[in-house]
Amino acid sequence: AMMAAVDRDSGAGPAMMAAGGAMRMAGGPSRA
């Protein structure tokens, strides 16, 4: 029902960490 009322998300963004929305928390990148 919400999907019919609201046009939301897309698919080709480069920031996607895993297909379809299985995202990970950032884990402390090295400063190097």
PDB file of all heavy atoms in Angstrom:
ATOM      1  N   ALA A   1       0.831  -1.210   0.000  1.00  0.00           N
ATOM      2  CA  ALA A   1       0.000   0.000   0.000  1.00  0.00           C
ATOM      3  C   ALA A   1       0.858   1.250   0.000  1.00  0.00           C
ATOM      4  O   ALA A   1       0.586   2.214  -0.704  1.00  0.00           O
ATOM      5  CB  ALA A   1      -0.921  -0.010   1.221  1.00  0.00           C
ATOM      6  N   MET A   2       1.914   1.245   0.805  1.00  0.00           N
ATOM      7  CA  MET A   2       2.809   2.399   0.812  1.00  0.00           C
ATOM      8  C   MET A   2       3.512   2.536  -0.517  1.00  0.00           C
ATOM      9  O   MET A   2       3.732   3.617  -1.020  1.00  0.00           O
ATOM     10  CB  MET A   2       3.849   2.248   1.923  1.00  0.00           C
ATOM     11  CG  MET A   2       3.302   2.447   3.308  1.00  0.00           C
ATOM     12  SD  MET A   2       4.618   2.342   4.509  1.00  0.00           S
ATOM     13  CE  MET A   2       5.566   3.803   4.085  1.00  0.00           C
ATOM     14  N   MET A   3       3.891   1.382  -1.096  1.00  0.00           N
ATOM     15  CA  MET A   3       4.588   1.411  -2.366  1.00  0.00           C
ATOM     16  C   MET A   3       3.758   2.081  -3.439  1.00  0.00           C
ATOM     17  O   MET A   3       4.282   2.774  -4.304  1.00  0.00           O
ATOM     18  CB  MET A   3       4.929  -0.025  -2.780  1.00  0.00           C
ATOM     19  CG  MET A   3       5.487  -0.138  -4.161  1.00  0.00           C
ATOM     20  SD  MET A   3       4.698  -1.316  -5.227  1.00  0.00           S
ATOM     21  CE  MET A   3       3.087  -1.539  -4.660  1.00  0.00           C
ATOM     22  N   ALA A   4       2.417   1.912  -3.368  1.00  0.00           N
ATOM     23  CA  ALA A   4       1.561   2.541  -4.367  1.00  0.00           C
ATOM     24  C   ALA A   4       1.486   4.042  -4.183  1.00  0.00           C
ATOM     25  O   ALA A   4       1.279   4.779  -5.138  1.00  0.00           O
ATOM     26  CB  ALA A   4       0.151   1.950  -4.275  1.00  0.00           C
ATOM     27  N   ALA A   5       1.665   4.502  -2.928  1.00  0.00           N
ATOM     28  CA  ALA A   5       1.494   5.923  -2.650  1.00  0.00           C
ATOM     29  C   ALA A   5       2.779   6.720  -2.768  1.00  0.00           C
ATOM     30  O   ALA A   5       2.751   7.919  -2.962  1.00  0.00           O
ATOM     31  CB  ALA A   5       0.930   6.098  -1.232  1.00  0.00           C
ATOM     32  N   VAL A   6       3.918   6.057  -2.639  1.00  0.00           N
ATOM     33  CA  VAL A   6       5.174   6.783  -2.595  1.00  0.00           C
ATOM     34  C   VAL A   6       6.143   6.197  -3.606  1.00  0.00           C
ATOM     35  O   VAL A   6       6.390   5.012  -3.627  1.00  0.00           O
ATOM     36  CB  VAL A   6       5.804   6.699  -1.181  1.00  0.00           C
ATOM     37  CG1 VAL A   6       7.098   7.478  -1.139  1.00  0.00           C
ATOM     38  CG2 VAL A   6       4.839   7.237  -0.138  1.00  0.00           C
ATOM     39  N   ASP A   7       6.715   7.049  -4.418  1.00  0.00           N
ATOM     40  CA  ASP A   7       7.738   6.623  -5.367  1.00  0.00           C
ATOM     41  C   ASP A   7       9.085   6.784  -4.711  1.00  0.00           C
ATOM     42  O   ASP A   7       9.521   7.868  -4.442  1.00  0.00           O
ATOM     43  CB  ASP A   7       7.652   7.503  -6.628  1.00  0.00           C
ATOM     44  CG  ASP A   7       8.762   7.188  -7.599  1.00  0.00           C
ATOM     45  OD1 ASP A   7       9.220   6.042  -7.605  1.00  0.00           O
ATOM     46  OD2 ASP A   7       9.159   8.086  -8.332  1.00  0.00           O
ATOM     47  N   ARG A   8       9.747   5.643  -4.378  1.00  0.00           N
ATOM     48  CA  ARG A   8      10.989   5.753  -3.635  1.00  0.00           C
ATOM     49  C   ARG A   8      12.156   5.131  -4.375  1.00  0.00           C
ATOM     50  O   ARG A   8      12.280   5.237  -5.556  1.00  0.00           O
ATOM     51  CB  ARG A   8      10.825   5.116  -2.273  1.00  0.00           C
ATOM     52  CG  ARG A   8       9.611   5.651  -1.535  1.00  0.00           C
ATOM     53  CD  ARG A   8       9.725   5.375  -0.092  1.00  0.00           C
ATOM     54  NE  ARG A   8       8.451   5.211   0.493  1.00  0.00           N
ATOM     55  CZ  ARG A   8       8.075   5.731   1.627  1.00  0.00           C
ATOM     56  NH1 ARG A   8       8.867   6.470   2.312  1.00  0.00           N
ATOM     57  NH2 ARG A   8       6.894   5.502   2.089  1.00  0.00           N
ATOM     58  N   ASP A   9      12.974   4.364  -3.900  1.00  0.00           N
ATOM     59  CA  ASP A   9      14.326   3.882  -4.114  1.00  0.00           C
ATOM     60  C   ASP A   9      14.714   3.524  -5.536  1.00  0.00           C
ATOM     61  O   ASP A   9      13.900   3.182  -6.297  1.00  0.00           O
ATOM     62  CB  ASP A   9      14.450   2.623  -3.304  1.00  0.00           C
ATOM     63  CG  ASP A   9      15.680   2.558  -2.497  1.00  0.00           C
ATOM     64  OD1 ASP A   9      16.713   2.756  -2.992  1.00  0.00           O
ATOM     65  OD2 ASP A   9      15.613   2.281  -1.364  1.00  0.00           O
ATOM     66  N   SER A  10      15.937   3.472  -5.860  1.00  0.00           N
ATOM     67  CA  SER A  10      16.379   3.120  -7.207  1.00  0.00           C
ATOM     68  C   SER A  10      17.403   2.025  -7.146  1.00  0.00           C
ATOM     69  O   SER A  10      17.710   1.527  -6.112  1.00  0.00           O
ATOM     70  CB  SER A  10      16.933   4.350  -7.896  1.00  0.00           C
ATOM     71  OG  SER A  10      17.584   4.001  -9.065  1.00  0.00           O
ATOM     72  N   GLY A  11      17.962   1.698  -8.287  1.00  0.00           N
ATOM     73  CA  GLY A  11      18.816   0.546  -8.282  1.00  0.00           C
ATOM     74  C   GLY A  11      20.228   0.698  -8.701  1.00  0.00           C
ATOM     75  O   GLY A  11      21.005  -0.168  -8.448  1.00  0.00           O
ATOM     76  N   ALA A  12      20.659   1.713  -9.352  1.00  0.00           N
ATOM     77  CA  ALA A  12      21.971   1.679  -9.969  1.00  0.00           C
ATOM     78  C   ALA A  12      23.003   2.523  -9.255  1.00  0.00           C
ATOM     79  O   ALA A  12      24.026   2.854  -9.812  1.00  0.00           O
ATOM     80  CB  ALA A  12      21.869   2.124 -11.420  1.00  0.00           C
ATOM     81  N   GLY A  13      22.738   2.907  -7.993  1.00  0.00           N
ATOM     82  CA  GLY A  13      23.669   3.772  -7.293  1.00  0.00           C
ATOM     83  C   GLY A  13      24.960   3.059  -6.968  1.00  0.00           C
ATOM     84  O   GLY A  13      24.964   1.907  -6.562  1.00  0.00           O
ATOM     85  N   PRO A  14      26.093   3.707  -7.113  1.00  0.00           N
ATOM     86  CA  PRO A  14      27.371   3.060  -6.875  1.00  0.00           C
ATOM     87  C   PRO A  14      27.663   2.817  -5.414  1.00  0.00           C
ATOM     88  O   PRO A  14      28.593   2.104  -5.098  1.00  0.00           O
ATOM     89  CB  PRO A  14      28.375   4.066  -7.465  1.00  0.00           C
ATOM     90  CG  PRO A  14      27.698   5.386  -7.346  1.00  0.00           C
ATOM     91  CD  PRO A  14      26.243   5.095  -7.568  1.00  0.00           C
ATOM     92  N   ALA A  15      26.886   3.441  -4.528  1.00  0.00           N
ATOM     93  CA  ALA A  15      27.174   3.275  -3.098  1.00  0.00           C
ATOM     94  C   ALA A  15      26.565   2.017  -2.523  1.00  0.00           C
ATOM     95  O   ALA A  15      26.683   1.762  -1.339  1.00  0.00           O
ATOM     96  CB  ALA A  15      26.662   4.480  -2.323  1.00  0.00           C
ATOM     97  N   MET A  16      25.911   1.207  -3.336  1.00  0.00           N
ATOM     98  CA  MET A  16      25.259  -0.002  -2.840  1.00  0.00           C
ATOM     99  C   MET A  16      26.321  -0.986  -2.384  1.00  0.00           C
ATOM    100  O   MET A  16      27.218  -1.334  -3.132  1.00  0.00           O
ATOM    101  CB  MET A  16      24.433  -0.629  -3.965  1.00  0.00           C
ATOM    102  CG  MET A  16      23.470  -1.673  -3.479  1.00  0.00           C
ATOM    103  SD  MET A  16      22.188  -0.920  -2.485  1.00  0.00           S
ATOM    104  CE  MET A  16      21.115  -2.319  -2.304  1.00  0.00           C
ATOM    105  N   MET A  17      26.234  -1.442  -1.146  1.00  0.00           N
ATOM    106  CA  MET A  17      27.244  -2.348  -0.628  1.00  0.00           C
ATOM    107  C   MET A  17      26.916  -3.811  -0.896  1.00  0.00           C
ATOM    108  O   MET A  17      27.785  -4.654  -0.882  1.00  0.00           O
ATOM    109  CB  MET A  17      27.411  -2.140   0.895  1.00  0.00           C
ATOM    110  CG  MET A  17      27.895  -0.753   1.252  1.00  0.00           C
ATOM    111  SD  MET A  17      29.530  -0.417   0.581  1.00  0.00           S
ATOM    112  CE  MET A  17      29.098   0.612  -0.821  1.00  0.00           C
ATOM    113  N   ALA A  18      25.622  -4.112  -1.117  1.00  0.00           N
ATOM    114  CA  ALA A  18      25.222  -5.475  -1.422  1.00  0.00           C
ATOM    115  C   ALA A  18      23.904  -5.417  -2.148  1.00  0.00           C
ATOM    116  O   ALA A  18      23.121  -4.527  -1.938  1.00  0.00           O
ATOM    117  CB  ALA A  18      25.084  -6.303  -0.141  1.00  0.00           C
ATOM    118  N   ALA A  19      23.651  -6.372  -3.047  1.00  0.00           N
ATOM    119  CA  ALA A  19      22.481  -6.303  -3.918  1.00  0.00           C
ATOM    120  C   ALA A  19      21.205  -6.254  -3.123  1.00  0.00           C
ATOM    121  O   ALA A  19      21.028  -6.960  -2.158  1.00  0.00           O
ATOM    122  CB  ALA A  19      22.467  -7.533  -4.831  1.00  0.00           C
ATOM    123  N   GLY A  20      20.263  -5.379  -3.588  1.00  0.00           N
ATOM    124  CA  GLY A  20      18.909  -5.348  -3.066  1.00  0.00           C
ATOM    125  C   GLY A  20      18.746  -4.733  -1.705  1.00  0.00           C
ATOM    126  O   GLY A  20      17.661  -4.707  -1.179  1.00  0.00           O
ATOM    127  N   GLY A  21      19.792  -4.263  -1.069  1.00  0.00           N
ATOM    128  CA  GLY A  21      19.594  -3.547   0.180  1.00  0.00           C
ATOM    129  C   GLY A  21      20.271  -4.157   1.381  1.00  0.00           C
ATOM    130  O   GLY A  21      20.093  -3.689   2.488  1.00  0.00           O
ATOM    131  N   ALA A  22      21.061  -5.227   1.243  1.00  0.00           N
ATOM    132  CA  ALA A  22      21.760  -5.768   2.400  1.00  0.00           C
ATOM    133  C   ALA A  22      23.002  -4.929   2.611  1.00  0.00           C
ATOM    134  O   ALA A  22      24.055  -5.179   2.071  1.00  0.00           O
ATOM    135  CB  ALA A  22      22.134  -7.237   2.164  1.00  0.00           C
ATOM    136  N   MET A  23      22.828  -3.872   3.412  1.00  0.00           N
ATOM    137  CA  MET A  23      23.896  -2.900   3.574  1.00  0.00           C
ATOM    138  C   MET A  23      24.724  -3.254   4.810  1.00  0.00           C
ATOM    139  O   MET A  23      24.255  -3.874   5.735  1.00  0.00           O
ATOM    140  CB  MET A  23      23.298  -1.496   3.740  1.00  0.00           C
ATOM    141  CG  MET A  23      22.254  -1.133   2.708  1.00  0.00           C
ATOM    142  SD  MET A  23      22.934  -0.895   1.080  1.00  0.00           S
ATOM    143  CE  MET A  23      23.628   0.741   1.246  1.00  0.00           C
ATOM    144  N   ARG A  24      25.983  -2.811   4.836  1.00  0.00           N
ATOM    145  CA  ARG A  24      26.819  -3.045   6.003  1.00  0.00           C
ATOM    146  C   ARG A  24      27.145  -1.718   6.668  1.00  0.00           C
ATOM    147  O   ARG A  24      27.196  -0.683   6.034  1.00  0.00           O
ATOM    148  CB  ARG A  24      28.115  -3.750   5.611  1.00  0.00           C
ATOM    149  CG  ARG A  24      29.003  -2.927   4.674  1.00  0.00           C
ATOM    150  CD  ARG A  24      30.376  -3.565   4.497  1.00  0.00           C
ATOM    151  NE  ARG A  24      31.186  -2.851   3.534  1.00  0.00           N
ATOM    152  CZ  ARG A  24      31.893  -1.772   3.807  1.00  0.00           C
ATOM    153  NH1 ARG A  24      31.849  -1.251   5.014  1.00  0.00           N
ATOM    154  NH2 ARG A  24      32.616  -1.178   2.878  1.00  0.00           N
ATOM    155  N   MET A  25      27.401  -1.783   7.942  1.00  0.00           N
ATOM    156  CA  MET A  25      27.849  -0.594   8.655  1.00  0.00           C
ATOM    157  C   MET A  25      29.312  -0.348   8.329  1.00  0.00           C
ATOM    158  O   MET A  25      30.095  -1.278   8.158  1.00  0.00           O
ATOM    159  CB  MET A  25      27.703  -0.794  10.171  1.00  0.00           C
ATOM    160  CG  MET A  25      26.258  -0.862  10.630  1.00  0.00           C
ATOM    161  SD  MET A  25      25.416   0.710  10.465  1.00  0.00           S
ATOM    162  CE  MET A  25      26.229   1.638  11.748  1.00  0.00           C
ATOM    163  N   ALA A  26      29.673   0.931   8.230  1.00  0.00           N
ATOM    164  CA  ALA A  26      31.067   1.256   7.986  1.00  0.00           C
ATOM    165  C   ALA A  26      31.897   0.776   9.160  1.00  0.00           C
ATOM    166  O   ALA A  26      31.531   0.948  10.306  1.00  0.00           O
ATOM    167  CB  ALA A  26      31.213   2.751   7.800  1.00  0.00           C
ATOM    168  N   GLY A  27      33.045   0.200   8.886  1.00  0.00           N
ATOM    169  CA  GLY A  27      33.772  -0.483   9.939  1.00  0.00           C
ATOM    170  C   GLY A  27      35.137   0.063  10.235  1.00  0.00           C
ATOM    171  O   GLY A  27      36.067  -0.695  10.437  1.00  0.00           O
ATOM    172  N   GLY A  28      35.332   1.335  10.274  1.00  0.00           N
ATOM    173  CA  GLY A  28      36.594   1.874  10.728  1.00  0.00           C
ATOM    174  C   GLY A  28      37.689   1.780   9.705  1.00  0.00           C
ATOM    175  O   GLY A  28      38.625   0.989   9.846  1.00  0.00           O
ATOM    176  N   PRO A  29      37.630   2.522   8.598  1.00  0.00           N
ATOM    177  CA  PRO A  29      38.641   2.409   7.575  1.00  0.00           C
ATOM    178  C   PRO A  29      39.988   2.913   8.065  1.00  0.00           C
ATOM    179  O   PRO A  29      40.071   3.814   8.900  1.00  0.00           O
ATOM    180  CB  PRO A  29      38.104   3.313   6.458  1.00  0.00           C
ATOM    181  CG  PRO A  29      37.271   4.328   7.157  1.00  0.00           C
ATOM    182  CD  PRO A  29      36.664   3.603   8.302  1.00  0.00           C
ATOM    183  N   SER A  30      41.052   2.348   7.566  1.00  0.00           N
ATOM    184  CA  SER A  30      42.389   2.816   7.876  1.00  0.00           C
ATOM    185  C   SER A  30      42.596   4.203   7.297  1.00  0.00           C
ATOM    186  O   SER A  30      42.139   4.509   6.209  1.00  0.00           O
ATOM    187  CB  SER A  30      43.418   1.846   7.283  1.00  0.00           C
ATOM    188  OG  SER A  30      44.696   2.427   7.291  1.00  0.00           O
ATOM    189  N   ARG A  31      43.322   5.036   8.021  1.00  0.00           N
ATOM    190  CA  ARG A  31      43.599   6.370   7.512  1.00  0.00           C
ATOM    191  C   ARG A  31      44.531   6.290   6.320  1.00  0.00           C
ATOM    192  O   ARG A  31      44.669   7.255   5.578  1.00  0.00           O
ATOM    193  CB  ARG A  31      44.207   7.236   8.607  1.00  0.00           C
ATOM    194  CG  ARG A  31      43.267   7.484   9.776  1.00  0.00           C
ATOM    195  CD  ARG A  31      43.673   8.693  10.563  1.00  0.00           C
ATOM    196  NE  ARG A  31      43.432   9.903   9.795  1.00  0.00           N
ATOM    197  CZ  ARG A  31      43.849  11.099  10.167  1.00  0.00           C
ATOM    198  NH1 ARG A  31      44.561  11.240  11.272  1.00  0.00           N
ATOM    199  NH2 ARG A  31      43.587  12.165   9.443  1.00  0.00           N
ATOM    200  N   ALA A  32      45.198   5.166   6.168  1.00  0.00           N
ATOM    201  CA  ALA A  32      46.141   5.039   5.061  1.00  0.00           C
ATOM    202  C   ALA A  32      45.438   4.726   3.742  1.00  0.00           C
ATOM    203  O   ALA A  32      45.960   5.041   2.687  1.00  0.00           O
ATOM    204  CB  ALA A  32      47.165   3.953   5.368  1.00  0.00           C
TER     205      ALA A  32
END
